[in-house]
Amino acid sequence: MFREVMLARPLRKGMIQCTACEHWCAVAPGEAGKCGVRRNLDGALRLVVYGRAVAAHVDPVEKKPLHHFLPGSDIFSIGTVGCNLRCAWCQNWDISQFRDFDPETDALGRRLMPQEIVDLCLRQGIPLVAFTYNEPAIYFEYAYDTAKLAHEAGLRTVMVSSGYETLQAIETIAPYLDAINVDLKAFDNETYRRYCGARLEPVLRNIRHLATESGAWVEVTTLVIPRLNDGDEELRAIAEYLAGVSPDIPWHVSGFVPHYHMQDRPPTSAATLHRAWQIGKGAGLRYVYTGNVWGSPLLENCSDTLCPACGATLIRRDGYAVRSLWQTPGVCHRCGAAIAGVWQ
């Protein structure tokens, strides 16, 4: 299960630099990068979780979340242990922050090789494969091999990412990547540094590159956290940046639930999410969605897809349940406007 990585370069004295993410870890013999799963063993940098899925589930594609990419489809979702970020609010911390392990002896999930994933999807009629739950960049070779086989079999692939990959990683997998949701956690570098152990600039660069150069469909999610990134100024800065890249990028503003090292904060209110939704619309984004807070009259229609030209409701959503109202996917049934996305 130990696979020599594709993205690395040798340094002096047996050190190897990982080139999969923006940490650019220089890994000494016997040590691991910040993610815990890319390790310098026997003179090579090796991925020690190749073919080891600690999470594997069939989800609705809306759960990624993707609202403009084959709505209503099932998606087979996998993830491993480890992560290159250390987000204080991580909802999957029990797998993402699991780094101190012996790959020879410790159980790291079920054996699930790339061809097995593709065969399972073909048998069960699942059209999509997602690399999610933790950061796919850290298990890049596992994701890449699976994505390549999936494309050869006529399946489509999705990444759910922090957006902290190197451009080399993005460009390597781009021919086999159909959609990505990037988690833009804040618009403040200090927030990234203090709470995630990362930097803002590479994430912004990657969103722009993905949306304009990669050919993949791009959506962006911001978890709106009270007293951290929920101010009007910061939300507006995020929305204006995305609108400047493309007003067609769907922006998901999602509700925070107290978790991991942030259990002292209140959950995000419906009023805050509605305010974020309004800010996104006001900044020129055509498609803004709220998520993770359900049942509030304030958020009625805020998870529906609306025509940006005439306001007609095109897709109605109740949680992850989807009902399409248009006659031709991607075309408003009232005014005929084209709706950005991948619909067929």
C-alpha atoms as a PDB file:
ATOM      1  CA  MET A   1       0.000   0.000   0.000  1.00  0.00           C
ATOM      2  CA  PHE A   2       3.019   2.319   0.138  1.00  0.00           C
ATOM      3  CA  ARG A   3       3.122   4.151  -3.189  1.00  0.00           C
ATOM      4  CA  GLU A   4       6.060   6.308  -4.270  1.00  0.00           C
ATOM      5  CA  VAL A   5       4.647   9.762  -4.856  1.00  0.00           C
ATOM      6  CA  MET A   6       4.472  11.586  -8.185  1.00  0.00           C
ATOM      7  CA  LEU A   7       4.952  15.058  -6.745  1.00  0.00           C
ATOM      8  CA  ALA A   8       8.370  15.375  -5.100  1.00  0.00           C
ATOM      9  CA  ARG A   9      11.961  16.372  -5.777  1.00  0.00           C
ATOM     10  CA  PRO A  10      15.232  15.312  -4.117  1.00  0.00           C
ATOM     11  CA  LEU A  11      17.187  17.612  -1.837  1.00  0.00           C
ATOM     12  CA  ARG A  12      20.573  17.202  -0.140  1.00  0.00           C
ATOM     13  CA  LYS A  13      21.416  14.687   2.603  1.00  0.00           C
ATOM     14  CA  GLY A  14      18.524  12.367   1.792  1.00  0.00           C
ATOM     15  CA  MET A  15      15.885  15.052   2.229  1.00  0.00           C
ATOM     16  CA  ILE A  16      12.956  15.039  -0.214  1.00  0.00           C
ATOM     17  CA  GLN A  17      10.686  17.994  -0.910  1.00  0.00           C
ATOM     18  CA  CYS A  18       7.006  17.269  -1.392  1.00  0.00           C
ATOM     19  CA  THR A  19       5.468  19.396  -4.167  1.00  0.00           C
ATOM     20  CA  ALA A  20       1.815  18.435  -3.675  1.00  0.00           C
ATOM     21  CA  CYS A  21       0.766  21.369  -1.498  1.00  0.00           C
ATOM     22  CA  GLU A  22       1.845  24.874  -0.586  1.00  0.00           C
ATOM     23  CA  HIS A  23       3.692  23.798   2.540  1.00  0.00           C
ATOM     24  CA  TRP A  24       6.504  22.503   0.309  1.00  0.00           C
ATOM     25  CA  CYS A  25       7.639  20.212   3.125  1.00  0.00           C
ATOM     26  CA  ALA A  26      11.292  19.171   3.130  1.00  0.00           C
ATOM     27  CA  VAL A  27      11.013  15.689   4.612  1.00  0.00           C
ATOM     28  CA  ALA A  28      13.969  14.058   6.347  1.00  0.00           C
ATOM     29  CA  PRO A  29      14.579  10.295   6.162  1.00  0.00           C
ATOM     30  CA  GLY A  30      12.100   8.457   8.368  1.00  0.00           C
ATOM     31  CA  GLU A  31       9.946  11.559   8.826  1.00  0.00           C
ATOM     32  CA  ALA A  32       6.596  12.731   7.434  1.00  0.00           C
ATOM     33  CA  GLY A  33       5.358  15.976   5.952  1.00  0.00           C
ATOM     34  CA  LYS A  34       2.844  18.115   7.849  1.00  0.00           C
ATOM     35  CA  CYS A  35       0.015  15.925   6.558  1.00  0.00           C
ATOM     36  CA  GLY A  36       1.428  12.817   8.240  1.00  0.00           C
ATOM     37  CA  VAL A  37       0.842  10.533   5.258  1.00  0.00           C
ATOM     38  CA  ARG A  38       3.643  11.476   2.828  1.00  0.00           C
ATOM     39  CA  ARG A  39       6.755   9.927   4.372  1.00  0.00           C
ATOM     40  CA  ASN A  40      10.423   9.639   3.464  1.00  0.00           C
ATOM     41  CA  LEU A  41      10.997   5.882   3.579  1.00  0.00           C
ATOM     42  CA  ASP A  42      13.783   3.814   1.996  1.00  0.00           C
ATOM     43  CA  GLY A  43      15.108   6.736  -0.011  1.00  0.00           C
ATOM     44  CA  ALA A  44      11.800   7.815  -1.551  1.00  0.00           C
ATOM     45  CA  LEU A  45       8.802   9.900  -0.557  1.00  0.00           C
ATOM     46  CA  ARG A  46       5.908   7.484  -0.190  1.00  0.00           C
ATOM     47  CA  LEU A  47       2.164   7.828   0.295  1.00  0.00           C
ATOM     48  CA  VAL A  48       1.384   5.460   3.163  1.00  0.00           C
ATOM     49  CA  VAL A  49      -2.419   5.627   2.796  1.00  0.00           C
ATOM     50  CA  TYR A  50      -2.629   4.631  -0.871  1.00  0.00           C
ATOM     51  CA  GLY A  51      -5.683   2.408  -1.289  1.00  0.00           C
ATOM     52  CA  ARG A  52      -6.750   2.897   2.357  1.00  0.00           C
ATOM     53  CA  ALA A  53     -10.115   4.624   2.556  1.00  0.00           C
ATOM     54  CA  VAL A  54     -11.021   5.506   6.124  1.00  0.00           C
ATOM     55  CA  ALA A  55     -14.348   6.899   4.879  1.00  0.00           C
ATOM     56  CA  ALA A  56     -16.321   5.634   1.874  1.00  0.00           C
ATOM     57  CA  HIS A  57     -19.974   6.558   1.385  1.00  0.00           C
ATOM     58  CA  VAL A  58     -22.570   7.223  -1.292  1.00  0.00           C
ATOM     59  CA  ASP A  59     -23.756  10.827  -0.902  1.00  0.00           C
ATOM     60  CA  PRO A  60     -25.949  13.209  -2.865  1.00  0.00           C
ATOM     61  CA  VAL A  61     -23.764  15.542  -4.917  1.00  0.00           C
ATOM     62  CA  GLU A  62     -25.472  18.458  -3.156  1.00  0.00           C
ATOM     63  CA  LYS A  63     -23.719  17.422   0.054  1.00  0.00           C
ATOM     64  CA  LYS A  64     -20.260  18.307  -1.317  1.00  0.00           C
ATOM     65  CA  PRO A  65     -21.789  20.965  -1.774  1.00  0.00           C
ATOM     66  CA  LEU A  66     -22.235  21.287  -5.543  1.00  0.00           C
ATOM     67  CA  HIS A  67     -25.476  22.856  -6.775  1.00  0.00           C
ATOM     68  CA  HIS A  68     -24.627  23.446 -10.434  1.00  0.00           C
ATOM     69  CA  PHE A  69     -23.061  20.077 -11.220  1.00  0.00           C
ATOM     70  CA  LEU A  70     -25.436  17.263 -12.171  1.00  0.00           C
ATOM     71  CA  PRO A  71     -27.993  17.983  -9.417  1.00  0.00           C
ATOM     72  CA  GLY A  72     -29.695  15.001  -7.863  1.00  0.00           C
ATOM     73  CA  SER A  73     -26.847  12.604  -8.736  1.00  0.00           C
ATOM     74  CA  ASP A  74     -25.316  10.076  -6.376  1.00  0.00           C
ATOM     75  CA  ILE A  75     -21.592  10.432  -5.766  1.00  0.00           C
ATOM     76  CA  PHE A  76     -19.248   7.832  -4.287  1.00  0.00           C
ATOM     77  CA  SER A  77     -17.102   9.670  -1.747  1.00  0.00           C
ATOM     78  CA  ILE A  78     -13.783   8.585  -0.264  1.00  0.00           C
ATOM     79  CA  GLY A  79     -11.226  10.035   2.131  1.00  0.00           C
ATOM     80  CA  THR A  80      -8.168   8.920   4.085  1.00  0.00           C
ATOM     81  CA  VAL A  81      -6.546   9.935   7.352  1.00  0.00           C
ATOM     82  CA  GLY A  82      -4.382  13.041   7.555  1.00  0.00           C
ATOM     83  CA  CYS A  83      -4.570  16.653   6.383  1.00  0.00           C
ATOM     84  CA  ASN A  84      -2.221  19.480   5.494  1.00  0.00           C
ATOM     85  CA  LEU A  85      -4.257  22.039   7.465  1.00  0.00           C
ATOM     86  CA  ARG A  86      -5.115  22.137  11.167  1.00  0.00           C
ATOM     87  CA  CYS A  87      -8.429  23.983  11.187  1.00  0.00           C
ATOM     88  CA  ALA A  88      -9.605  24.611  14.736  1.00  0.00           C
ATOM     89  CA  TRP A  89     -13.246  23.961  13.726  1.00  0.00           C
ATOM     90  CA  CYS A  90     -12.712  20.823  11.616  1.00  0.00           C
ATOM     91  CA  GLN A  91     -15.808  18.628  11.605  1.00  0.00           C
ATOM     92  CA  ASN A  92     -13.799  15.595  10.441  1.00  0.00           C
ATOM     93  CA  TRP A  93     -10.959  16.133  12.907  1.00  0.00           C
ATOM     94  CA  ASP A  94     -10.972  12.513  14.062  1.00  0.00           C
ATOM     95  CA  ILE A  95      -9.640  11.423  10.661  1.00  0.00           C
ATOM     96  CA  SER A  96      -8.036  14.595   9.324  1.00  0.00           C
ATOM     97  CA  GLN A  97      -5.920  15.242  12.417  1.00  0.00           C
ATOM     98  CA  PHE A  98      -4.849  11.608  12.795  1.00  0.00           C
ATOM     99  CA  ARG A  99      -1.144  11.882  11.933  1.00  0.00           C
ATOM    100  CA  ASP A 100       0.821  10.041  14.622  1.00  0.00           C
ATOM    101  CA  PHE A 101       0.534   6.428  13.531  1.00  0.00           C
ATOM    102  CA  ASP A 102       2.610   3.459  12.449  1.00  0.00           C
ATOM    103  CA  PRO A 103       1.657   2.725   8.844  1.00  0.00           C
ATOM    104  CA  GLU A 104       3.002  -0.823   9.153  1.00  0.00           C
ATOM    105  CA  THR A 105       0.753  -1.852  12.029  1.00  0.00           C
ATOM    106  CA  ASP A 106      -2.073   0.635  12.589  1.00  0.00           C
ATOM    107  CA  ALA A 107      -5.462   0.234  10.903  1.00  0.00           C
ATOM    108  CA  LEU A 108      -5.885   3.077   8.442  1.00  0.00           C
ATOM    109  CA  GLY A 109      -9.266   2.225   6.947  1.00  0.00           C
ATOM    110  CA  ARG A 110     -10.478  -0.382   4.509  1.00  0.00           C
ATOM    111  CA  ARG A 111      -8.578  -1.564   1.458  1.00  0.00           C
ATOM    112  CA  LEU A 112     -10.172   0.117  -1.539  1.00  0.00           C
ATOM    113  CA  MET A 113      -7.981   0.351  -4.614  1.00  0.00           C
ATOM    114  CA  PRO A 114      -8.681   2.690  -7.541  1.00  0.00           C
ATOM    115  CA  GLN A 115      -9.976  -0.034  -9.855  1.00  0.00           C
ATOM    116  CA  GLU A 116     -12.230  -1.365  -7.085  1.00  0.00           C
ATOM    117  CA  ILE A 117     -13.785   2.102  -6.685  1.00  0.00           C
ATOM    118  CA  VAL A 118     -14.470   2.354 -10.410  1.00  0.00           C
ATOM    119  CA  ASP A 119     -15.893  -1.178 -10.586  1.00  0.00           C
ATOM    120  CA  LEU A 120     -18.161  -0.528  -7.604  1.00  0.00           C
ATOM    121  CA  CYS A 121     -19.527   2.656  -9.203  1.00  0.00           C
ATOM    122  CA  LEU A 122     -20.161   0.911 -12.510  1.00  0.00           C
ATOM    123  CA  ARG A 123     -21.954  -1.996 -10.801  1.00  0.00           C
ATOM    124  CA  GLN A 124     -24.172   0.300  -8.736  1.00  0.00           C
ATOM    125  CA  GLY A 125     -24.806   2.897 -11.447  1.00  0.00           C
ATOM    126  CA  ILE A 126     -23.096   5.714  -9.544  1.00  0.00           C
ATOM    127  CA  PRO A 127     -21.915   8.322 -12.092  1.00  0.00           C
ATOM    128  CA  LEU A 128     -19.598  10.394  -9.883  1.00  0.00           C
ATOM    129  CA  VAL A 129     -16.563   9.864  -7.635  1.00  0.00           C
ATOM    130  CA  ALA A 130     -15.522  12.417  -4.998  1.00  0.00           C
ATOM    131  CA  PHE A 131     -12.248  12.858  -3.121  1.00  0.00           C
ATOM    132  CA  THR A 132     -13.419  14.484   0.080  1.00  0.00           C
ATOM    133  CA  TYR A 133     -13.696  14.258   3.899  1.00  0.00           C
ATOM    134  CA  ASN A 134     -10.037  15.274   4.217  1.00  0.00           C
ATOM    135  CA  GLU A 135      -7.732  17.160   1.844  1.00  0.00           C
ATOM    136  CA  PRO A 136      -7.245  15.221  -1.427  1.00  0.00           C
ATOM    137  CA  ALA A 137      -3.884  16.883  -2.137  1.00  0.00           C
ATOM    138  CA  ILE A 138      -2.275  14.816   0.598  1.00  0.00           C
ATOM    139  CA  TYR A 139      -3.361  11.526  -1.008  1.00  0.00           C
ATOM    140  CA  PHE A 140      -2.818  12.932  -4.479  1.00  0.00           C
ATOM    141  CA  GLU A 141      -1.571   9.745  -6.154  1.00  0.00           C
ATOM    142  CA  TYR A 142      -4.529   7.728  -4.850  1.00  0.00           C
ATOM    143  CA  ALA A 143      -6.935  10.393  -6.153  1.00  0.00           C
ATOM    144  CA  TYR A 144      -5.068  10.788  -9.451  1.00  0.00           C
ATOM    145  CA  ASP A 145      -5.000   7.068 -10.270  1.00  0.00           C
ATOM    146  CA  THR A 146      -8.679   6.734  -9.362  1.00  0.00           C
ATOM    147  CA  ALA A 147      -9.677   9.799 -11.381  1.00  0.00           C
ATOM    148  CA  LYS A 148      -7.796   8.576 -14.454  1.00  0.00           C
ATOM    149  CA  LEU A 149      -9.454   5.153 -14.320  1.00  0.00           C
ATOM    150  CA  ALA A 150     -12.840   6.757 -13.643  1.00  0.00           C
ATOM    151  CA  HIS A 151     -12.562   8.927 -16.749  1.00  0.00           C
ATOM    152  CA  GLU A 152     -11.569   5.947 -18.858  1.00  0.00           C
ATOM    153  CA  ALA A 153     -14.751   4.214 -17.623  1.00  0.00           C
ATOM    154  CA  GLY A 154     -16.995   7.208 -18.396  1.00  0.00           C
ATOM    155  CA  LEU A 155     -17.389   8.400 -14.797  1.00  0.00           C
ATOM    156  CA  ARG A 156     -16.886  11.990 -13.637  1.00  0.00           C
ATOM    157  CA  THR A 157     -14.776  13.109 -10.712  1.00  0.00           C
ATOM    158  CA  VAL A 158     -14.988  15.767  -7.996  1.00  0.00           C
ATOM    159  CA  MET A 159     -12.595  17.169  -5.403  1.00  0.00           C
ATOM    160  CA  VAL A 160     -13.615  18.901  -2.183  1.00  0.00           C
ATOM    161  CA  SER A 161     -10.544  20.837  -1.194  1.00  0.00           C
ATOM    162  CA  SER A 162      -9.026  23.532   0.979  1.00  0.00           C
ATOM    163  CA  GLY A 163      -7.487  24.924  -2.204  1.00  0.00           C
ATOM    164  CA  TYR A 164      -3.954  24.606  -0.814  1.00  0.00           C
ATOM    165  CA  GLU A 165      -2.544  22.514  -3.672  1.00  0.00           C
ATOM    166  CA  THR A 166       0.419  23.569  -5.748  1.00  0.00           C
ATOM    167  CA  LEU A 167      -0.258  24.576  -9.339  1.00  0.00           C
ATOM    168  CA  GLN A 168       1.694  21.479 -10.354  1.00  0.00           C
ATOM    169  CA  ALA A 169      -0.809  19.293  -8.505  1.00  0.00           C
ATOM    170  CA  ILE A 170      -3.789  21.081 -10.059  1.00  0.00           C
ATOM    171  CA  GLU A 171      -2.413  20.920 -13.578  1.00  0.00           C
ATOM    172  CA  THR A 172      -1.480  17.248 -13.199  1.00  0.00           C
ATOM    173  CA  ILE A 173      -4.969  16.119 -12.199  1.00  0.00           C
ATOM    174  CA  ALA A 174      -6.903  18.694 -14.265  1.00  0.00           C
ATOM    175  CA  PRO A 175      -7.429  16.414 -17.323  1.00  0.00           C
ATOM    176  CA  TYR A 176      -9.296  13.985 -15.079  1.00  0.00           C
ATOM    177  CA  LEU A 177     -11.138  16.466 -12.835  1.00  0.00           C
ATOM    178  CA  ASP A 178     -14.683  17.574 -13.655  1.00  0.00           C
ATOM    179  CA  ALA A 179     -15.633  19.703 -10.640  1.00  0.00           C
ATOM    180  CA  ILE A 180     -14.200  21.055  -7.419  1.00  0.00           C
ATOM    181  CA  ASN A 181     -15.569  22.795  -4.357  1.00  0.00           C
ATOM    182  CA  VAL A 182     -12.936  24.973  -2.709  1.00  0.00           C
ATOM    183  CA  ASP A 183     -13.268  25.900   0.952  1.00  0.00           C
ATOM    184  CA  LEU A 184     -12.388  29.608   1.274  1.00  0.00           C
ATOM    185  CA  LYS A 185     -12.194  29.830   5.031  1.00  0.00           C
ATOM    186  CA  ALA A 186     -11.670  33.574   5.467  1.00  0.00           C
ATOM    187  CA  PHE A 187     -10.314  36.636   3.691  1.00  0.00           C
ATOM    188  CA  ASP A 188      -7.656  37.349   6.281  1.00  0.00           C
ATOM    189  CA  ASN A 189      -4.184  35.855   6.246  1.00  0.00           C
ATOM    190  CA  GLU A 190      -3.888  36.010  10.039  1.00  0.00           C
ATOM    191  CA  THR A 191      -7.008  33.845  10.381  1.00  0.00           C
ATOM    192  CA  TYR A 192      -5.459  31.275   8.065  1.00  0.00           C
ATOM    193  CA  ARG A 193      -2.140  31.383   9.924  1.00  0.00           C
ATOM    194  CA  ARG A 194      -3.554  31.229  13.437  1.00  0.00           C
ATOM    195  CA  TYR A 195      -6.439  28.813  13.005  1.00  0.00           C
ATOM    196  CA  CYS A 196      -5.417  26.639  10.028  1.00  0.00           C
ATOM    197  CA  GLY A 197      -1.625  26.746   9.868  1.00  0.00           C
ATOM    198  CA  ALA A 198      -1.754  27.982   6.276  1.00  0.00           C
ATOM    199  CA  ARG A 199      -1.809  31.119   4.086  1.00  0.00           C
ATOM    200  CA  LEU A 200      -4.609  32.857   2.212  1.00  0.00           C
ATOM    201  CA  GLU A 201      -2.824  33.830  -1.011  1.00  0.00           C
ATOM    202  CA  PRO A 202      -2.385  30.335  -2.519  1.00  0.00           C
ATOM    203  CA  VAL A 203      -6.086  29.622  -2.007  1.00  0.00           C
ATOM    204  CA  LEU A 204      -7.096  32.794  -3.852  1.00  0.00           C
ATOM    205  CA  ARG A 205      -4.625  32.016  -6.643  1.00  0.00           C
ATOM    206  CA  ASN A 206      -5.957  28.488  -6.991  1.00  0.00           C
ATOM    207  CA  ILE A 207      -9.603  29.565  -7.124  1.00  0.00           C
ATOM    208  CA  ARG A 208      -8.749  31.910  -9.984  1.00  0.00           C
ATOM    209  CA  HIS A 209      -6.641  29.307 -11.765  1.00  0.00           C
ATOM    210  CA  LEU A 210      -9.243  26.573 -11.383  1.00  0.00           C
ATOM    211  CA  ALA A 211     -12.068  28.812 -12.589  1.00  0.00           C
ATOM    212  CA  THR A 212     -10.226  30.258 -15.570  1.00  0.00           C
ATOM    213  CA  GLU A 213      -7.622  27.683 -16.638  1.00  0.00           C
ATOM    214  CA  SER A 214      -8.443  24.158 -15.482  1.00  0.00           C
ATOM    215  CA  GLY A 215     -11.661  23.302 -17.315  1.00  0.00           C
ATOM    216  CA  ALA A 216     -13.248  22.006 -14.090  1.00  0.00           C
ATOM    217  CA  TRP A 217     -16.526  23.397 -12.768  1.00  0.00           C
ATOM    218  CA  VAL A 218     -15.802  25.437  -9.605  1.00  0.00           C
ATOM    219  CA  GLU A 219     -17.935  26.246  -6.574  1.00  0.00           C
ATOM    220  CA  VAL A 220     -16.737  27.841  -3.322  1.00  0.00           C
ATOM    221  CA  THR A 221     -17.841  27.337   0.281  1.00  0.00           C
ATOM    222  CA  THR A 222     -17.279  29.593   3.280  1.00  0.00           C
ATOM    223  CA  LEU A 223     -18.136  28.294   6.734  1.00  0.00           C
ATOM    224  CA  VAL A 224     -19.474  31.415   8.465  1.00  0.00           C
ATOM    225  CA  ILE A 225     -18.121  31.340  12.028  1.00  0.00           C
ATOM    226  CA  PRO A 226     -19.375  33.784  14.678  1.00  0.00           C
ATOM    227  CA  ARG A 227     -16.753  36.280  15.852  1.00  0.00           C
ATOM    228  CA  LEU A 228     -14.238  35.006  13.316  1.00  0.00           C
ATOM    229  CA  ASN A 229     -15.252  35.707   9.705  1.00  0.00           C
ATOM    230  CA  ASP A 230     -18.893  36.798   9.939  1.00  0.00           C
ATOM    231  CA  GLY A 231     -18.399  40.578   9.669  1.00  0.00           C
ATOM    232  CA  ASP A 232     -19.904  42.444   6.726  1.00  0.00           C
ATOM    233  CA  GLU A 233     -16.530  43.708   5.561  1.00  0.00           C
ATOM    234  CA  GLU A 234     -14.930  40.267   5.352  1.00  0.00           C
ATOM    235  CA  LEU A 235     -17.942  38.585   3.773  1.00  0.00           C
ATOM    236  CA  ARG A 236     -18.121  41.371   1.201  1.00  0.00           C
ATOM    237  CA  ALA A 237     -14.410  41.000   0.444  1.00  0.00           C
ATOM    238  CA  ILE A 238     -14.880  37.286  -0.236  1.00  0.00           C
ATOM    239  CA  ALA A 239     -17.924  37.861  -2.424  1.00  0.00           C
ATOM    240  CA  GLU A 240     -16.268  40.665  -4.383  1.00  0.00           C
ATOM    241  CA  TYR A 241     -13.165  38.571  -4.986  1.00  0.00           C
ATOM    242  CA  LEU A 242     -15.231  35.673  -6.326  1.00  0.00           C
ATOM    243  CA  ALA A 243     -17.368  37.969  -8.471  1.00  0.00           C
ATOM    244  CA  GLY A 244     -14.162  39.458  -9.877  1.00  0.00           C
ATOM    245  CA  VAL A 245     -13.021  35.985 -10.936  1.00  0.00           C
ATOM    246  CA  SER A 246     -16.461  35.107 -12.333  1.00  0.00           C
ATOM    247  CA  PRO A 247     -19.959  36.129 -11.217  1.00  0.00           C
ATOM    248  CA  ASP A 248     -21.069  32.613 -12.190  1.00  0.00           C
ATOM    249  CA  ILE A 249     -19.119  30.935  -9.358  1.00  0.00           C
ATOM    250  CA  PRO A 250     -21.707  29.595  -6.898  1.00  0.00           C
ATOM    251  CA  TRP A 251     -20.880  30.679  -3.349  1.00  0.00           C
ATOM    252  CA  HIS A 252     -22.110  28.508  -0.475  1.00  0.00           C
ATOM    253  CA  VAL A 253     -22.318  30.248   2.902  1.00  0.00           C
ATOM    254  CA  SER A 254     -22.614  27.464   5.425  1.00  0.00           C
ATOM    255  CA  GLY A 255     -23.607  27.430   9.070  1.00  0.00           C
ATOM    256  CA  PHE A 256     -20.994  26.643  11.717  1.00  0.00           C
ATOM    257  CA  VAL A 257     -21.705  24.090  14.455  1.00  0.00           C
ATOM    258  CA  PRO A 258     -19.446  24.133  17.576  1.00  0.00           C
ATOM    259  CA  HIS A 259     -16.788  21.484  17.049  1.00  0.00           C
ATOM    260  CA  TYR A 260     -13.251  20.347  17.847  1.00  0.00           C
ATOM    261  CA  HIS A 261     -11.323  23.314  19.360  1.00  0.00           C
ATOM    262  CA  MET A 262     -14.178  25.792  18.835  1.00  0.00           C
ATOM    263  CA  GLN A 263     -16.853  24.376  21.074  1.00  0.00           C
ATOM    264  CA  ASP A 264     -17.063  27.660  22.980  1.00  0.00           C
ATOM    265  CA  ARG A 265     -18.649  29.531  20.050  1.00  0.00           C
ATOM    266  CA  PRO A 266     -22.354  29.660  19.245  1.00  0.00           C
ATOM    267  CA  PRO A 267     -23.700  28.115  16.056  1.00  0.00           C
ATOM    268  CA  THR A 268     -24.284  30.409  13.096  1.00  0.00           C
ATOM    269  CA  SER A 269     -27.737  31.975  13.153  1.00  0.00           C
ATOM    270  CA  ALA A 270     -30.164  32.005  10.248  1.00  0.00           C
ATOM    271  CA  ALA A 271     -30.029  35.810  10.353  1.00  0.00           C
ATOM    272  CA  THR A 272     -26.257  35.772   9.831  1.00  0.00           C
ATOM    273  CA  LEU A 273     -26.516  33.390   6.889  1.00  0.00           C
ATOM    274  CA  HIS A 274     -29.277  35.495   5.340  1.00  0.00           C
ATOM    275  CA  ARG A 275     -27.069  38.567   5.714  1.00  0.00           C
ATOM    276  CA  ALA A 276     -24.190  36.722   4.016  1.00  0.00           C
ATOM    277  CA  TRP A 277     -26.546  35.654   1.218  1.00  0.00           C
ATOM    278  CA  GLN A 278     -27.601  39.262   0.685  1.00  0.00           C
ATOM    279  CA  ILE A 279     -23.977  40.445   0.699  1.00  0.00           C
ATOM    280  CA  GLY A 280     -23.069  37.866  -1.943  1.00  0.00           C
ATOM    281  CA  LYS A 281     -25.945  38.926  -4.167  1.00  0.00           C
ATOM    282  CA  GLY A 282     -25.107  42.593  -3.624  1.00  0.00           C
ATOM    283  CA  ALA A 283     -21.504  41.978  -4.671  1.00  0.00           C
ATOM    284  CA  GLY A 284     -22.649  40.705  -8.046  1.00  0.00           C
ATOM    285  CA  LEU A 285     -22.570  36.932  -7.548  1.00  0.00           C
ATOM    286  CA  ARG A 286     -25.405  35.371  -9.532  1.00  0.00           C
ATOM    287  CA  TYR A 287     -25.713  32.223  -7.420  1.00  0.00           C
ATOM    288  CA  VAL A 288     -25.467  32.303  -3.623  1.00  0.00           C
ATOM    289  CA  TYR A 289     -26.639  29.464  -1.385  1.00  0.00           C
ATOM    290  CA  THR A 290     -27.076  28.971   2.335  1.00  0.00           C
ATOM    291  CA  GLY A 291     -26.473  25.599   3.940  1.00  0.00           C
ATOM    292  CA  ASN A 292     -26.296  23.676   7.187  1.00  0.00           C
ATOM    293  CA  VAL A 293     -29.100  25.686   8.813  1.00  0.00           C
ATOM    294  CA  TRP A 294     -32.543  24.396   7.930  1.00  0.00           C
ATOM    295  CA  GLY A 295     -36.155  25.305   8.568  1.00  0.00           C
ATOM    296  CA  SER A 296     -35.888  29.046   9.115  1.00  0.00           C
ATOM    297  CA  PRO A 297     -38.369  31.268   7.256  1.00  0.00           C
ATOM    298  CA  LEU A 298     -35.488  33.732   6.825  1.00  0.00           C
ATOM    299  CA  LEU A 299     -33.723  31.242   4.577  1.00  0.00           C
ATOM    300  CA  GLU A 300     -36.691  30.210   2.487  1.00  0.00           C
ATOM    301  CA  ASN A 301     -35.546  29.966  -1.144  1.00  0.00           C
ATOM    302  CA  CYS A 302     -31.932  30.745  -0.163  1.00  0.00           C
ATOM    303  CA  SER A 303     -30.837  27.242  -1.195  1.00  0.00           C
ATOM    304  CA  ASP A 304     -32.867  27.276  -4.431  1.00  0.00           C
ATOM    305  CA  THR A 305     -31.371  28.016  -7.828  1.00  0.00           C
ATOM    306  CA  LEU A 306     -32.913  31.209  -9.166  1.00  0.00           C
ATOM    307  CA  CYS A 307     -32.611  32.686 -12.632  1.00  0.00           C
ATOM    308  CA  PRO A 308     -30.285  35.707 -12.326  1.00  0.00           C
ATOM    309  CA  ALA A 309     -32.134  37.428 -15.181  1.00  0.00           C
ATOM    310  CA  CYS A 310     -35.789  37.162 -14.155  1.00  0.00           C
ATOM    311  CA  GLY A 311     -35.757  35.589 -10.664  1.00  0.00           C
ATOM    312  CA  ALA A 312     -37.705  32.450 -11.589  1.00  0.00           C
ATOM    313  CA  THR A 313     -37.125  29.428  -9.350  1.00  0.00           C
ATOM    314  CA  LEU A 314     -35.376  26.784 -11.436  1.00  0.00           C
ATOM    315  CA  ILE A 315     -34.347  24.183  -8.853  1.00  0.00           C
ATOM    316  CA  ARG A 316     -36.041  23.869  -5.487  1.00  0.00           C
ATOM    317  CA  ARG A 317     -34.106  22.308  -2.602  1.00  0.00           C
ATOM    318  CA  ASP A 318     -35.274  21.002   0.742  1.00  0.00           C
ATOM    319  CA  GLY A 319     -32.108  19.914   2.519  1.00  0.00           C
ATOM    320  CA  TYR A 320     -30.498  17.556   0.026  1.00  0.00           C
ATOM    321  CA  ALA A 321     -33.760  16.777  -1.786  1.00  0.00           C
ATOM    322  CA  VAL A 322     -33.855  18.355  -5.244  1.00  0.00           C
ATOM    323  CA  ARG A 323     -36.776  19.184  -7.544  1.00  0.00           C
ATOM    324  CA  SER A 324     -36.080  20.660 -10.984  1.00  0.00           C
ATOM    325  CA  LEU A 325     -38.722  23.021 -12.327  1.00  0.00           C
ATOM    326  CA  TRP A 326     -37.243  23.889 -15.701  1.00  0.00           C
ATOM    327  CA  GLN A 327     -38.139  22.054 -18.889  1.00  0.00           C
ATOM    328  CA  THR A 328     -34.608  22.128 -20.331  1.00  0.00           C
ATOM    329  CA  PRO A 329     -31.730  21.791 -17.835  1.00  0.00           C
ATOM    330  CA  GLY A 330     -29.571  24.892 -17.914  1.00  0.00           C
ATOM    331  CA  VAL A 331     -32.211  27.114 -19.497  1.00  0.00           C
ATOM    332  CA  CYS A 332     -34.699  29.303 -17.623  1.00  0.00           C
ATOM    333  CA  HIS A 333     -38.233  28.203 -18.490  1.00  0.00           C
ATOM    334  CA  ARG A 334     -39.556  31.760 -18.042  1.00  0.00           C
ATOM    335  CA  CYS A 335     -37.083  33.997 -19.901  1.00  0.00           C
ATOM    336  CA  GLY A 336     -34.758  31.592 -21.703  1.00  0.00           C
ATOM    337  CA  ALA A 337     -31.576  32.766 -19.952  1.00  0.00           C
ATOM    338  CA  ALA A 338     -28.680  30.289 -19.869  1.00  0.00           C
ATOM    339  CA  ILE A 339     -27.693  29.145 -16.369  1.00  0.00           C
ATOM    340  CA  ALA A 340     -24.024  28.429 -15.754  1.00  0.00           C
ATOM    341  CA  GLY A 341     -23.207  24.884 -14.685  1.00  0.00           C
ATOM    342  CA  VAL A 342     -22.936  21.270 -15.787  1.00  0.00           C
ATOM    343  CA  TRP A 343     -26.442  19.945 -16.152  1.00  0.00           C
ATOM    344  CA  GLN A 344     -26.271  16.853 -18.377  1.00  0.00           C
END
